[in-house]
Amino acid sequence: MKPADIEEFFRRLAADNPAPKTELEFTNPYTLLVAVVLSAQATDVGVNRATGPLFQVVQTPQQMLDLGEEKLRHYIRTIGLFNTKARNVMKLSEILVAEHGGEVPRKRKELEALPGVGRKTANVVLNVAFGQTTIAVDTHIFRVSNRTGLARGKTPEEVERKLVRYVPARWKPHAHHWLILHGRYICKARKPDCPACVVRDLCAYPDKTTERDMLEDPPVPVSAG
C-alpha cells in the first residue's frame, strides 16, 4: 500500500472511531497484564466475565499470591486452558513481587521474561498501560494487514516490523486498536463485511463481499484472537 493510502487508511479508521480502546476490562497495569495473559485463545467477553469478580478482590501481585492458585482457578475456570493460565499468573505474580517491587515493568525484555507473556502480550501492556507506540499483532491484525495490503508478511513478527515502519507516527499510538477492532467486527476471517468497510476502496483484497453476500449467511461469532 502506498504511503498516501496508508495515511488515508488510518485517517478514516480514526474518523470512524476517534477514541479506540481495548475491550478487556482492567483497573491498573497489573490487572491489564493478567487479563491479557488470560485472553490467549479466549474472547474478551469471556475473560471479562471471569475477571469482573476476580478484580474485585485482586488488584496487586501480592493480593494474587494471597488469594492462591486454587481460588484463582475457581474464578477463571470458564476460560480455556485455565489450569495453565492460573499457574502462569501465580508465577508471574511471584516474580513481580520478588524482582520488581510489585510493579509491572515498562521494558519489553523484562515483560517477556514473565511466564505466559510473549511478544504480543508485552506489546499490548506497553501500549495500553504505558502509552508506548508498540503494535501487537494478533490473528486479526495479521489478517487485516495481509488481506488489505497494508503490511504483508508471513509471520506476526514480519507484519509487526512493517507496521512499525510504515504507519505514520501520529497514528501509531492507537494503530493496534483500530486494526484489531476492524478485524474483529468488519474484516472478519470467514466473510469480511466489505459493504460496511470505510477503507474498502483502499483495500487490495480481490474477493470483496457485496450486500447480497452478507445477507446469505447469519453472522459468525468472533474470537479475541
Protein backbone atom coordinates (compact mmCIF):
# COMPACT_ATOMS: atom_id res chain seq x y z
CA MET A 1 0.00 0.00 0.00
CA LYS A 2 1.32 3.44 -0.91
CA PRO A 3 2.24 5.89 1.88
CA ALA A 4 -0.60 8.23 0.90
CA ASP A 5 -3.06 5.35 1.04
CA ILE A 6 -1.77 4.26 4.46
CA GLU A 7 -2.26 7.79 5.75
CA GLU A 8 -5.81 7.83 4.38
CA PHE A 9 -6.44 4.31 5.72
CA PHE A 10 -5.79 5.37 9.30
CA ARG A 11 -7.41 8.78 8.87
CA ARG A 12 -10.67 7.03 8.03
CA LEU A 13 -10.38 4.50 10.85
CA ALA A 14 -9.71 7.39 13.24
CA ALA A 15 -12.68 9.35 11.95
CA ASP A 16 -14.90 6.30 12.39
CA ASN A 17 -13.60 5.59 15.91
CA PRO A 18 -11.76 8.59 17.40
CA ALA A 19 -11.01 7.01 20.78
CA PRO A 20 -10.39 3.28 20.33
CA LYS A 21 -9.53 1.20 23.37
CA THR A 22 -9.09 -2.37 24.45
CA GLU A 23 -12.26 -4.31 25.18
CA LEU A 24 -10.57 -6.07 28.08
CA GLU A 25 -11.61 -4.64 31.44
CA PHE A 26 -8.84 -3.67 33.87
CA THR A 27 -8.05 -1.18 36.62
CA ASN A 28 -4.25 -0.86 36.56
CA PRO A 29 -1.21 -2.22 34.69
CA TYR A 30 -1.19 -5.41 36.76
CA THR A 31 -4.82 -6.31 36.13
CA LEU A 32 -4.31 -5.48 32.45
CA LEU A 33 -1.35 -7.87 32.35
CA VAL A 34 -3.40 -10.62 33.97
CA ALA A 35 -6.33 -10.02 31.62
CA VAL A 36 -4.13 -10.18 28.52
CA VAL A 37 -2.45 -13.39 29.71
CA LEU A 38 -5.90 -14.91 30.27
CA SER A 39 -7.16 -13.75 26.87
CA ALA A 40 -4.96 -16.12 24.84
CA GLN A 41 -7.28 -18.31 22.75
CA ALA A 42 -10.29 -16.80 24.52
CA THR A 43 -12.76 -14.00 23.84
CA ASP A 44 -12.55 -10.67 25.61
CA VAL A 45 -16.18 -11.12 26.68
CA GLY A 46 -15.36 -14.44 28.31
CA VAL A 47 -12.31 -13.03 30.05
CA ASN A 48 -14.22 -10.01 31.35
CA ARG A 49 -16.94 -12.28 32.72
CA ALA A 50 -14.33 -14.10 34.79
CA THR A 51 -12.14 -11.17 35.80
CA GLY A 52 -15.01 -8.94 36.87
CA PRO A 53 -15.43 -10.80 40.18
CA LEU A 54 -11.70 -11.59 40.38
CA PHE A 55 -10.59 -7.98 40.14
CA GLN A 56 -12.96 -7.01 42.91
CA VAL A 57 -10.70 -8.88 45.31
CA VAL A 58 -7.34 -8.80 43.49
CA GLN A 59 -5.62 -5.60 42.36
CA THR A 60 -1.93 -6.36 43.00
CA PRO A 61 0.52 -9.25 42.61
CA GLN A 62 0.67 -9.72 46.39
CA GLN A 63 -3.10 -9.93 46.59
CA MET A 64 -2.99 -12.61 43.88
CA LEU A 65 -0.44 -14.58 45.89
CA ASP A 66 -2.60 -14.22 48.98
CA LEU A 67 -5.59 -15.49 47.02
CA GLY A 68 -3.74 -18.63 45.98
CA GLU A 69 -3.78 -20.74 42.84
CA GLU A 70 -6.73 -22.92 43.81
CA LYS A 71 -9.06 -19.96 44.32
CA LEU A 72 -7.74 -18.30 41.16
CA ARG A 73 -8.63 -21.42 39.18
CA HIS A 74 -12.15 -21.19 40.55
CA TYR A 75 -12.52 -17.61 39.28
CA ILE A 76 -11.19 -18.36 35.79
CA ARG A 77 -12.50 -21.90 35.32
CA THR A 78 -14.72 -20.80 32.40
CA ILE A 79 -11.68 -19.63 30.39
CA GLY A 80 -9.90 -22.05 28.10
CA LEU A 81 -6.60 -23.51 29.39
CA PHE A 82 -7.42 -22.11 32.84
CA ASN A 83 -5.12 -24.51 34.71
CA THR A 84 -2.03 -23.46 32.74
CA LYS A 85 -3.03 -19.82 32.85
CA ALA A 86 -3.55 -19.95 36.61
CA ARG A 87 -0.04 -21.35 37.09
CA ASN A 88 1.44 -18.65 34.87
CA VAL A 89 -0.41 -15.86 36.66
CA MET A 90 0.79 -17.10 40.05
CA LYS A 91 4.38 -17.44 38.83
CA LEU A 92 4.48 -14.03 37.17
CA SER A 93 2.98 -12.52 40.33
CA GLU A 94 5.76 -14.08 42.38
CA ILE A 95 8.37 -12.58 40.05
CA LEU A 96 6.75 -9.16 40.11
CA VAL A 97 6.83 -9.14 43.92
CA ALA A 98 10.33 -10.59 44.23
CA GLU A 99 12.10 -8.73 41.42
CA HIS A 100 10.06 -5.64 40.54
CA GLY A 101 8.67 -4.38 43.82
CA GLY A 102 5.17 -5.48 42.86
CA GLU A 103 5.16 -3.23 39.79
CA VAL A 104 4.69 -4.20 36.14
CA PRO A 105 7.94 -3.47 34.28
CA ARG A 106 7.94 -0.99 31.41
CA LYS A 107 10.63 -2.77 29.39
CA ARG A 108 9.87 -5.42 26.81
CA LYS A 109 12.69 -7.75 27.85
CA GLU A 110 11.52 -7.81 31.46
CA LEU A 111 7.90 -8.35 30.45
CA GLU A 112 8.75 -11.20 28.09
CA ALA A 113 10.70 -12.89 30.88
CA LEU A 114 7.43 -13.38 32.78
CA PRO A 115 5.62 -16.75 32.47
CA GLY A 116 2.83 -16.68 29.91
CA VAL A 117 3.96 -13.37 28.44
CA GLY A 118 5.05 -13.38 24.80
CA ARG A 119 5.77 -10.54 22.41
CA LYS A 120 2.11 -9.86 21.64
CA THR A 121 1.14 -9.64 25.32
CA ALA A 122 4.14 -7.42 26.08
CA ASN A 123 3.21 -5.10 23.21
CA VAL A 124 -0.36 -4.77 24.47
CA VAL A 125 0.78 -3.91 28.00
CA LEU A 126 3.41 -1.44 26.81
CA ASN A 127 0.88 0.29 24.55
CA VAL A 128 -2.24 0.28 26.72
CA ALA A 129 -0.74 0.65 30.20
CA PHE A 130 2.25 2.84 29.42
CA GLY A 131 1.41 4.61 26.17
CA GLN A 132 4.33 3.25 24.19
CA THR A 133 3.90 3.15 20.40
CA THR A 134 4.03 -0.63 20.09
CA ILE A 135 1.81 -2.59 17.73
CA ALA A 136 0.72 -6.03 18.93
CA VAL A 137 -0.03 -8.37 16.03
CA ASP A 138 -2.72 -10.92 16.86
CA THR A 139 -4.67 -13.08 14.40
CA HIS A 140 -6.99 -10.20 13.50
CA ILE A 141 -4.23 -7.70 12.79
CA PHE A 142 -2.22 -10.32 10.90
CA ARG A 143 -5.24 -11.00 8.69
CA VAL A 144 -6.15 -7.33 8.12
CA SER A 145 -2.56 -6.36 7.31
CA ASN A 146 -2.14 -9.13 4.75
CA ARG A 147 -5.63 -9.01 3.25
CA THR A 148 -5.70 -5.25 2.70
CA GLY A 149 -2.07 -5.00 1.58
CA LEU A 150 -1.29 -2.65 4.45
CA ALA A 151 1.69 -4.71 5.63
CA ARG A 152 2.10 -8.17 4.20
CA GLY A 153 4.22 -10.75 5.97
CA LYS A 154 4.48 -14.49 6.59
CA THR A 155 4.81 -14.17 10.36
CA PRO A 156 3.37 -11.85 13.01
CA GLU A 157 6.86 -10.52 13.66
CA GLU A 158 7.35 -9.60 10.00
CA VAL A 159 3.97 -7.86 9.89
CA GLU A 160 4.80 -6.01 13.12
CA ARG A 161 8.12 -4.76 11.73
CA LYS A 162 6.40 -3.44 8.61
CA LEU A 163 3.59 -1.78 10.54
CA VAL A 164 6.07 -0.06 12.84
CA ARG A 165 7.97 1.11 9.77
CA TYR A 166 5.06 2.20 7.57
CA VAL A 167 2.36 3.50 9.92
CA PRO A 168 2.69 7.30 10.24
CA ALA A 169 3.85 8.42 13.67
CA ARG A 170 0.65 10.27 14.54
CA TRP A 171 -1.42 7.12 14.08
CA LYS A 172 0.88 4.67 15.90
CA PRO A 173 -0.43 5.19 19.46
CA HIS A 174 -3.85 3.79 18.50
CA ALA A 175 -2.95 1.71 15.43
CA HIS A 176 -3.19 -1.57 17.35
CA HIS A 177 -6.74 -0.90 18.50
CA TRP A 178 -8.03 0.38 15.17
CA LEU A 179 -6.69 -2.70 13.39
CA ILE A 180 -7.86 -5.28 15.92
CA LEU A 181 -11.35 -3.80 16.12
CA HIS A 182 -11.53 -3.59 12.34
CA GLY A 183 -10.53 -7.24 12.08
CA ARG A 184 -12.87 -8.32 14.84
CA TYR A 185 -16.03 -6.63 13.55
CA ILE A 186 -15.55 -5.76 9.88
CA CYS A 187 -12.66 -7.61 8.21
CA LYS A 188 -13.67 -10.95 9.70
CA ALA A 189 -11.93 -14.20 8.82
CA ARG A 190 -14.62 -16.18 7.02
CA LYS A 191 -16.60 -13.36 5.47
CA PRO A 192 -15.40 -9.75 5.64
CA ASP A 193 -18.19 -7.18 5.79
CA CYS A 194 -16.88 -5.16 2.87
CA PRO A 195 -20.09 -3.12 2.39
CA ALA A 196 -19.60 -1.70 5.91
CA CYS A 197 -15.87 -1.08 5.50
CA VAL A 198 -14.71 2.54 5.48
CA VAL A 199 -11.44 1.64 3.72
CA ARG A 200 -12.75 -0.80 1.12
CA ASP A 201 -11.57 1.29 -1.85
CA LEU A 202 -8.03 1.32 -0.43
CA CYS A 203 -8.02 -2.43 0.19
CA ALA A 204 -6.23 -4.84 -2.15
CA TYR A 205 -8.47 -7.83 -1.31
CA PRO A 206 -9.75 -9.15 -4.66
CA ASP A 207 -12.82 -11.02 -3.40
CA LYS A 208 -14.75 -8.25 -1.69
CA THR A 209 -18.20 -9.18 -0.46
CA THR A 210 -21.40 -7.46 -1.52
CA GLU A 211 -24.53 -6.58 0.43
CA ARG A 212 -26.19 -9.67 -1.03
CA ASP A 213 -23.31 -11.83 0.19
CA MET A 214 -23.74 -10.50 3.72
CA LEU A 215 -27.44 -11.41 3.71
CA GLU A 216 -26.93 -15.02 2.62
CA ASP A 217 -25.46 -16.36 5.88
CA PRO A 218 -26.04 -15.45 9.55
CA PRO A 219 -23.25 -13.61 11.39
CA VAL A 220 -20.38 -15.73 12.70
CA PRO A 221 -19.18 -15.11 16.29
CA VAL A 222 -15.68 -13.67 16.50
CA SER A 223 -12.93 -14.63 18.92
CA ALA A 224 -10.38 -12.46 20.65
CA GLY A 225 -7.60 -13.98 18.53
